[in-house]
């Protein structure tokens, strides 16, 4: 009796750190939160903190690497 070996190929795992840090938009682009909005907020201007609220697209240089970590 022959055993099907292809059924035992391990599944691809999504990088658990990457899935918490990056989101995929509806059009398929990658976004991430901006840094510098965690603490020491009193010294930063309101204008600066509002600007840092917005998600930012992942740079072209990092897109390939992030896609691989997300299993895309």
Protein backbone atom coordinates (compact mmCIF):
# COMPACT_ATOMS: atom_id res chain seq x y z
CA UNK A 1 0.00 0.00 0.00
CA UNK A 2 1.39 3.41 -1.00
CA UNK A 3 1.38 6.28 1.49
CA UNK A 4 0.73 9.81 0.23
CA UNK A 5 3.78 11.78 1.48
CA UNK A 6 2.54 15.18 0.26
CA UNK A 7 -0.02 15.31 3.05
CA UNK A 8 2.81 15.58 5.60
CA UNK A 9 4.39 18.76 4.20
CA UNK A 10 4.46 21.35 7.01
CA UNK A 11 2.20 24.38 6.71
CA UNK A 12 3.61 27.87 6.29
CA UNK A 13 3.42 29.87 9.52
CA UNK A 14 2.75 33.60 9.60
CA UNK A 15 5.37 35.50 11.62
CA UNK A 16 3.49 36.35 14.82
CA UNK A 17 5.38 39.62 15.35
CA UNK A 18 4.70 40.79 11.81
CA UNK A 19 0.98 40.07 11.95
CA UNK A 20 0.69 42.39 14.96
CA UNK A 21 2.63 45.22 13.30
CA UNK A 22 1.41 45.29 9.70
CA UNK A 23 -2.03 45.48 8.08
CA UNK A 24 -3.03 44.82 4.48
CA UNK A 25 -5.37 47.41 2.94
CA UNK A 26 -8.27 46.53 0.68
CA UNK A 27 -6.18 47.31 -2.38
CA UNK A 28 -3.39 45.03 -1.12
CA UNK A 29 -0.94 47.65 0.14
CA UNK A 30 0.90 47.20 3.45
CA UNK A 31 0.64 49.76 6.25
CA UNK A 32 2.21 50.14 9.68
CA UNK A 33 1.87 52.46 12.67
CA UNK A 34 4.36 55.27 13.02
CA UNK A 35 6.86 55.41 15.87
CA UNK A 36 7.18 58.10 18.60
CA UNK A 37 3.65 57.97 19.96
CA UNK A 38 4.05 55.75 23.01
CA UNK A 39 5.43 57.96 25.78
CA UNK A 40 6.94 61.38 26.57
CA UNK A 41 3.95 62.97 24.85
CA UNK A 42 3.99 66.21 26.87
CA UNK A 43 7.05 67.48 25.04
CA UNK A 44 5.62 66.78 21.58
CA UNK A 45 3.32 69.27 19.91
CA UNK A 46 -0.33 68.46 19.25
CA UNK A 47 0.30 68.94 15.56
CA UNK A 48 3.08 66.35 15.68
CA UNK A 49 1.03 63.77 17.62
CA UNK A 50 -1.92 64.17 15.21
CA UNK A 51 0.43 63.62 12.28
CA UNK A 52 1.83 60.49 13.93
CA UNK A 53 -1.69 59.05 14.38
CA UNK A 54 -2.00 58.12 10.71
CA UNK A 55 -0.83 54.74 9.45
CA UNK A 56 1.99 54.91 6.94
CA UNK A 57 2.63 52.66 3.94
CA UNK A 58 5.54 50.24 4.18
CA UNK A 59 8.50 51.39 2.10
CA UNK A 60 9.17 49.71 -1.24
CA UNK A 61 12.50 48.42 0.08
CA UNK A 62 10.76 46.50 2.89
CA UNK A 63 7.61 45.35 1.08
CA UNK A 64 9.06 42.08 -0.21
CA UNK A 65 10.39 41.11 3.22
CA UNK A 66 7.14 41.97 5.04
CA UNK A 67 5.06 40.05 2.49
CA UNK A 68 7.21 36.98 3.10
CA UNK A 69 6.79 37.27 6.88
CA UNK A 70 3.02 37.54 6.43
CA UNK A 71 2.97 34.48 4.17
CA UNK A 72 1.80 36.40 1.11
